[in-house]
Amino acid sequence: MVNTFGENKVPEDVVLDAILNNFELTPKGIIKSLNLNKPIYQKSSVYGHFGREDFQFTW
């Protein structure tokens, strides 16, 4: 189900079809698409990531 809160220009069923046909929404698919197996997030899990200069974050 997709809820665009009335802000859509495309019908919600078309949006849902696009999501389901282009993204693998299983845990395995999310891990793969976001590259979560790499330990790059460990550095930001302690003390946060804002205002730090000791690590080079890609965002």
PDB file of N, CA and C in Angstrom:
ATOM      1  N   MET A   1       0.840  -1.178   0.000  1.00  0.00           N
ATOM      2  CA  MET A   1       0.000   0.000   0.000  1.00  0.00           C
ATOM      3  C   MET A   1       0.886   1.242   0.000  1.00  0.00           C
ATOM      4  N   VAL A   2       0.522   2.198  -0.782  1.00  0.00           N
ATOM      5  CA  VAL A   2       1.225   3.472  -0.856  1.00  0.00           C
ATOM      6  C   VAL A   2       0.228   4.570  -0.521  1.00  0.00           C
ATOM      7  N   ASN A   3       0.630   5.484   0.346  1.00  0.00           N
ATOM      8  CA  ASN A   3      -0.221   6.616   0.691  1.00  0.00           C
ATOM      9  C   ASN A   3       0.557   7.890   0.400  1.00  0.00           C
ATOM     10  N   THR A   4       0.124   8.619  -0.586  1.00  0.00           N
ATOM     11  CA  THR A   4       0.798   9.860  -0.955  1.00  0.00           C
ATOM     12  C   THR A   4       0.159  11.081  -0.298  1.00  0.00           C
ATOM     13  N   PHE A   5      -0.811  10.844   0.551  1.00  0.00           N
ATOM     14  CA  PHE A   5      -1.501  11.904   1.283  1.00  0.00           C
ATOM     15  C   PHE A   5      -2.071  12.967   0.345  1.00  0.00           C
ATOM     16  N   GLY A   6      -2.519  12.503  -0.831  1.00  0.00           N
ATOM     17  CA  GLY A   6      -3.150  13.412  -1.775  1.00  0.00           C
ATOM     18  C   GLY A   6      -2.195  14.308  -2.540  1.00  0.00           C
ATOM     19  N   GLU A   7      -0.898  14.081  -2.408  1.00  0.00           N
ATOM     20  CA  GLU A   7       0.095  14.928  -3.067  1.00  0.00           C
ATOM     21  C   GLU A   7       0.583  14.333  -4.381  1.00  0.00           C
ATOM     22  N   ASN A   8      -0.045  13.263  -4.826  1.00  0.00           N
ATOM     23  CA  ASN A   8       0.438  12.551  -6.006  1.00  0.00           C
ATOM     24  C   ASN A   8      -0.055  13.161  -7.307  1.00  0.00           C
ATOM     25  N   LYS A   9       0.806  13.042  -8.321  1.00  0.00           N
ATOM     26  CA  LYS A   9       0.414  13.381  -9.685  1.00  0.00           C
ATOM     27  C   LYS A   9       0.237  12.109 -10.494  1.00  0.00           C
ATOM     28  N   VAL A  10       0.746  11.014  -9.948  1.00  0.00           N
ATOM     29  CA  VAL A  10       0.640   9.692 -10.564  1.00  0.00           C
ATOM     30  C   VAL A  10      -0.242   8.861  -9.642  1.00  0.00           C
ATOM     31  N   PRO A  11      -1.146   8.061 -10.175  1.00  0.00           N
ATOM     32  CA  PRO A  11      -1.998   7.229  -9.315  1.00  0.00           C
ATOM     33  C   PRO A  11      -1.170   6.332  -8.383  1.00  0.00           C
ATOM     34  N   GLU A  12      -1.647   6.159  -7.169  1.00  0.00           N
ATOM     35  CA  GLU A  12      -0.908   5.397  -6.165  1.00  0.00           C
ATOM     36  C   GLU A  12      -0.640   3.965  -6.600  1.00  0.00           C
ATOM     37  N   ASP A  13      -1.547   3.349  -7.347  1.00  0.00           N
ATOM     38  CA  ASP A  13      -1.304   1.980  -7.788  1.00  0.00           C
ATOM     39  C   ASP A  13      -0.150   1.914  -8.790  1.00  0.00           C
ATOM     40  N   VAL A  14       0.046   2.970  -9.567  1.00  0.00           N
ATOM     41  CA  VAL A  14       1.181   3.029 -10.496  1.00  0.00           C
ATOM     42  C   VAL A  14       2.483   3.187  -9.711  1.00  0.00           C
ATOM     43  N   VAL A  15       2.459   4.012  -8.674  1.00  0.00           N
ATOM     44  CA  VAL A  15       3.632   4.186  -7.813  1.00  0.00           C
ATOM     45  C   VAL A  15       3.986   2.864  -7.148  1.00  0.00           C
ATOM     46  N   LEU A  16       2.990   2.179  -6.618  1.00  0.00           N
ATOM     47  CA  LEU A  16       3.218   0.892  -5.966  1.00  0.00           C
ATOM     48  C   LEU A  16       3.811  -0.118  -6.938  1.00  0.00           C
ATOM     49  N   ASP A  17       3.274  -0.194  -8.136  1.00  0.00           N
ATOM     50  CA  ASP A  17       3.815  -1.112  -9.143  1.00  0.00           C
ATOM     51  C   ASP A  17       5.271  -0.783  -9.461  1.00  0.00           C
ATOM     52  N   ALA A  18       5.592   0.497  -9.566  1.00  0.00           N
ATOM     53  CA  ALA A  18       6.970   0.904  -9.851  1.00  0.00           C
ATOM     54  C   ALA A  18       7.909   0.487  -8.723  1.00  0.00           C
ATOM     55  N   ILE A  19       7.464   0.654  -7.490  1.00  0.00           N
ATOM     56  CA  ILE A  19       8.283   0.259  -6.337  1.00  0.00           C
ATOM     57  C   ILE A  19       8.505  -1.241  -6.331  1.00  0.00           C
ATOM     58  N   LEU A  20       7.431  -1.990  -6.482  1.00  0.00           N
ATOM     59  CA  LEU A  20       7.530  -3.450  -6.418  1.00  0.00           C
ATOM     60  C   LEU A  20       8.335  -4.029  -7.573  1.00  0.00           C
ATOM     61  N   ASN A  21       8.329  -3.368  -8.722  1.00  0.00           N
ATOM     62  CA  ASN A  21       9.058  -3.869  -9.887  1.00  0.00           C
ATOM     63  C   ASN A  21      10.515  -3.423  -9.938  1.00  0.00           C
ATOM     64  N   ASN A  22      10.897  -2.449  -9.110  1.00  0.00           N
ATOM     65  CA  ASN A  22      12.254  -1.907  -9.195  1.00  0.00           C
ATOM     66  C   ASN A  22      13.089  -2.061  -7.936  1.00  0.00           C
ATOM     67  N   PHE A  23      12.470  -2.443  -6.837  1.00  0.00           N
ATOM     68  CA  PHE A  23      13.202  -2.567  -5.584  1.00  0.00           C
ATOM     69  C   PHE A  23      12.933  -3.921  -4.961  1.00  0.00           C
ATOM     70  N   GLU A  24      13.996  -4.556  -4.464  1.00  0.00           N
ATOM     71  CA  GLU A  24      13.852  -5.816  -3.747  1.00  0.00           C
ATOM     72  C   GLU A  24      13.684  -5.473  -2.270  1.00  0.00           C
ATOM     73  N   LEU A  25      12.477  -5.619  -1.752  1.00  0.00           N
ATOM     74  CA  LEU A  25      12.158  -5.151  -0.408  1.00  0.00           C
ATOM     75  C   LEU A  25      12.280  -6.223   0.667  1.00  0.00           C
ATOM     76  N   THR A  26      12.967  -7.305   0.356  1.00  0.00           N
ATOM     77  CA  THR A  26      13.251  -8.311   1.375  1.00  0.00           C
ATOM     78  C   THR A  26      14.425  -7.806   2.214  1.00  0.00           C
ATOM     79  N   PRO A  27      14.605  -8.330   3.425  1.00  0.00           N
ATOM     80  CA  PRO A  27      15.780  -7.916   4.201  1.00  0.00           C
ATOM     81  C   PRO A  27      17.082  -8.097   3.414  1.00  0.00           C
ATOM     82  N   LYS A  28      17.209  -9.221   2.724  1.00  0.00           N
ATOM     83  CA  LYS A  28      18.414  -9.473   1.924  1.00  0.00           C
ATOM     84  C   LYS A  28      18.573  -8.420   0.827  1.00  0.00           C
ATOM     85  N   GLY A  29      17.479  -8.073   0.160  1.00  0.00           N
ATOM     86  CA  GLY A  29      17.530  -7.078  -0.904  1.00  0.00           C
ATOM     87  C   GLY A  29      17.887  -5.695  -0.399  1.00  0.00           C
ATOM     88  N   ILE A  30      17.358  -5.319   0.755  1.00  0.00           N
ATOM     89  CA  ILE A  30      17.663  -4.012   1.342  1.00  0.00           C
ATOM     90  C   ILE A  30      19.126  -3.947   1.751  1.00  0.00           C
ATOM     91  N   ILE A  31      19.618  -5.008   2.378  1.00  0.00           N
ATOM     92  CA  ILE A  31      21.026  -5.071   2.773  1.00  0.00           C
ATOM     93  C   ILE A  31      21.921  -4.940   1.554  1.00  0.00           C
ATOM     94  N   LYS A  32      21.562  -5.635   0.482  1.00  0.00           N
ATOM     95  CA  LYS A  32      22.366  -5.596  -0.740  1.00  0.00           C
ATOM     96  C   LYS A  32      22.318  -4.219  -1.398  1.00  0.00           C
ATOM     97  N   SER A  33      21.133  -3.647  -1.550  1.00  0.00           N
ATOM     98  CA  SER A  33      21.020  -2.375  -2.268  1.00  0.00           C
ATOM     99  C   SER A  33      21.630  -1.208  -1.498  1.00  0.00           C
ATOM    100  N   LEU A  34      21.601  -1.255  -0.186  1.00  0.00           N
ATOM    101  CA  LEU A  34      22.200  -0.191   0.626  1.00  0.00           C
ATOM    102  C   LEU A  34      23.626  -0.507   1.046  1.00  0.00           C
ATOM    103  N   ASN A  35      24.128  -1.671   0.610  1.00  0.00           N
ATOM    104  CA  ASN A  35      25.504  -2.073   0.891  1.00  0.00           C
ATOM    105  C   ASN A  35      25.777  -2.100   2.397  1.00  0.00           C
ATOM    106  N   LEU A  36      24.855  -2.680   3.150  1.00  0.00           N
ATOM    107  CA  LEU A  36      24.950  -2.665   4.610  1.00  0.00           C
ATOM    108  C   LEU A  36      25.909  -3.704   5.177  1.00  0.00           C
ATOM    109  N   ASN A  37      26.471  -4.561   4.331  1.00  0.00           N
ATOM    110  CA  ASN A  37      27.434  -5.546   4.824  1.00  0.00           C
ATOM    111  C   ASN A  37      28.802  -4.940   5.084  1.00  0.00           C
ATOM    112  N   LYS A  38      29.043  -3.764   4.555  1.00  0.00           N
ATOM    113  CA  LYS A  38      30.323  -3.096   4.786  1.00  0.00           C
ATOM    114  C   LYS A  38      30.256  -2.372   6.127  1.00  0.00           C
ATOM    115  N   PRO A  39      31.321  -2.423   6.902  1.00  0.00           N
ATOM    116  CA  PRO A  39      31.295  -1.852   8.257  1.00  0.00           C
ATOM    117  C   PRO A  39      31.506  -0.340   8.306  1.00  0.00           C
ATOM    118  N   ILE A  40      31.107   0.396   7.276  1.00  0.00           N
ATOM    119  CA  ILE A  40      31.345   1.840   7.282  1.00  0.00           C
ATOM    120  C   ILE A  40      30.473   2.574   8.292  1.00  0.00           C
ATOM    121  N   TYR A  41      29.392   1.938   8.730  1.00  0.00           N
ATOM    122  CA  TYR A  41      28.479   2.604   9.658  1.00  0.00           C
ATOM    123  C   TYR A  41      28.942   2.497  11.110  1.00  0.00           C
ATOM    124  N   GLN A  42      29.880   1.603  11.367  1.00  0.00           N
ATOM    125  CA  GLN A  42      30.367   1.407  12.731  1.00  0.00           C
ATOM    126  C   GLN A  42      31.006   2.687  13.272  1.00  0.00           C
ATOM    127  N   LYS A  43      31.713   3.422  12.436  1.00  0.00           N
ATOM    128  CA  LYS A  43      32.386   4.645  12.876  1.00  0.00           C
ATOM    129  C   LYS A  43      31.397   5.724  13.308  1.00  0.00           C
ATOM    130  N   SER A  44      30.221   5.730  12.701  1.00  0.00           N
ATOM    131  CA  SER A  44      29.244   6.763  13.051  1.00  0.00           C
ATOM    132  C   SER A  44      28.279   6.316  14.142  1.00  0.00           C
ATOM    133  N   SER A  45      28.386   5.064  14.566  1.00  0.00           N
ATOM    134  CA  SER A  45      27.443   4.562  15.562  1.00  0.00           C
ATOM    135  C   SER A  45      27.780   5.031  16.974  1.00  0.00           C
ATOM    136  N   VAL A  46      28.979   5.536  17.167  1.00  0.00           N
ATOM    137  CA  VAL A  46      29.390   6.058  18.466  1.00  0.00           C
ATOM    138  C   VAL A  46      29.663   7.548  18.305  1.00  0.00           C
ATOM    139  N   TYR A  47      29.087   8.351  19.134  1.00  0.00           N
ATOM    140  CA  TYR A  47      29.263   9.803  19.157  1.00  0.00           C
ATOM    141  C   TYR A  47      28.644  10.515  17.954  1.00  0.00           C
ATOM    142  N   GLY A  48      27.893   9.806  17.125  1.00  0.00           N
ATOM    143  CA  GLY A  48      27.211  10.434  15.999  1.00  0.00           C
ATOM    144  C   GLY A  48      28.137  10.797  14.857  1.00  0.00           C
ATOM    145  N   HIS A  49      27.599  11.492  13.868  1.00  0.00           N
ATOM    146  CA  HIS A  49      28.398  11.837  12.699  1.00  0.00           C
ATOM    147  C   HIS A  49      28.393  13.327  12.389  1.00  0.00           C
ATOM    148  N   PHE A  50      27.668  14.132  13.139  1.00  0.00           N
ATOM    149  CA  PHE A  50      27.653  15.566  12.880  1.00  0.00           C
ATOM    150  C   PHE A  50      28.802  16.252  13.598  1.00  0.00           C
ATOM    151  N   GLY A  51      29.477  17.135  12.909  1.00  0.00           N
ATOM    152  CA  GLY A  51      30.527  17.935  13.515  1.00  0.00           C
ATOM    153  C   GLY A  51      31.828  17.202  13.756  1.00  0.00           C
ATOM    154  N   ARG A  52      31.948  16.001  13.239  1.00  0.00           N
ATOM    155  CA  ARG A  52      33.181  15.238  13.442  1.00  0.00           C
ATOM    156  C   ARG A  52      34.093  15.413  12.244  1.00  0.00           C
ATOM    157  N   GLU A  53      35.367  15.580  12.519  1.00  0.00           N
ATOM    158  CA  GLU A  53      36.343  15.700  11.446  1.00  0.00           C
ATOM    159  C   GLU A  53      37.316  14.536  11.429  1.00  0.00           C
ATOM    160  N   ASP A  54      37.200  13.625  12.400  1.00  0.00           N
ATOM    161  CA  ASP A  54      38.158  12.524  12.489  1.00  0.00           C
ATOM    162  C   ASP A  54      37.872  11.407  11.497  1.00  0.00           C
ATOM    163  N   PHE A  55      36.687  11.379  10.893  1.00  0.00           N
ATOM    164  CA  PHE A  55      36.347  10.370   9.895  1.00  0.00           C
ATOM    165  C   PHE A  55      35.800  11.065   8.655  1.00  0.00           C
ATOM    166  N   GLN A  56      36.065  10.488   7.530  1.00  0.00           N
ATOM    167  CA  GLN A  56      35.547  11.027   6.274  1.00  0.00           C
ATOM    168  C   GLN A  56      34.290  10.266   5.890  1.00  0.00           C
ATOM    169  N   PHE A  57      33.145  10.811   6.197  1.00  0.00           N
ATOM    170  CA  PHE A  57      31.882  10.185   5.838  1.00  0.00           C
ATOM    171  C   PHE A  57      31.485  10.645   4.443  1.00  0.00           C
ATOM    172  N   THR A  58      30.896   9.751   3.680  1.00  0.00           N
ATOM    173  CA  THR A  58      30.539  10.077   2.302  1.00  0.00           C
ATOM    174  C   THR A  58      29.317  10.969   2.209  1.00  0.00           C
ATOM    175  N   TRP A  59      28.610  11.146   3.285  1.00  0.00           N
ATOM    176  CA  TRP A  59      27.430  11.994   3.236  1.00  0.00           C
ATOM    177  C   TRP A  59      27.743  13.307   3.874  1.00  0.00           C
TER     178      TRP A  59
END
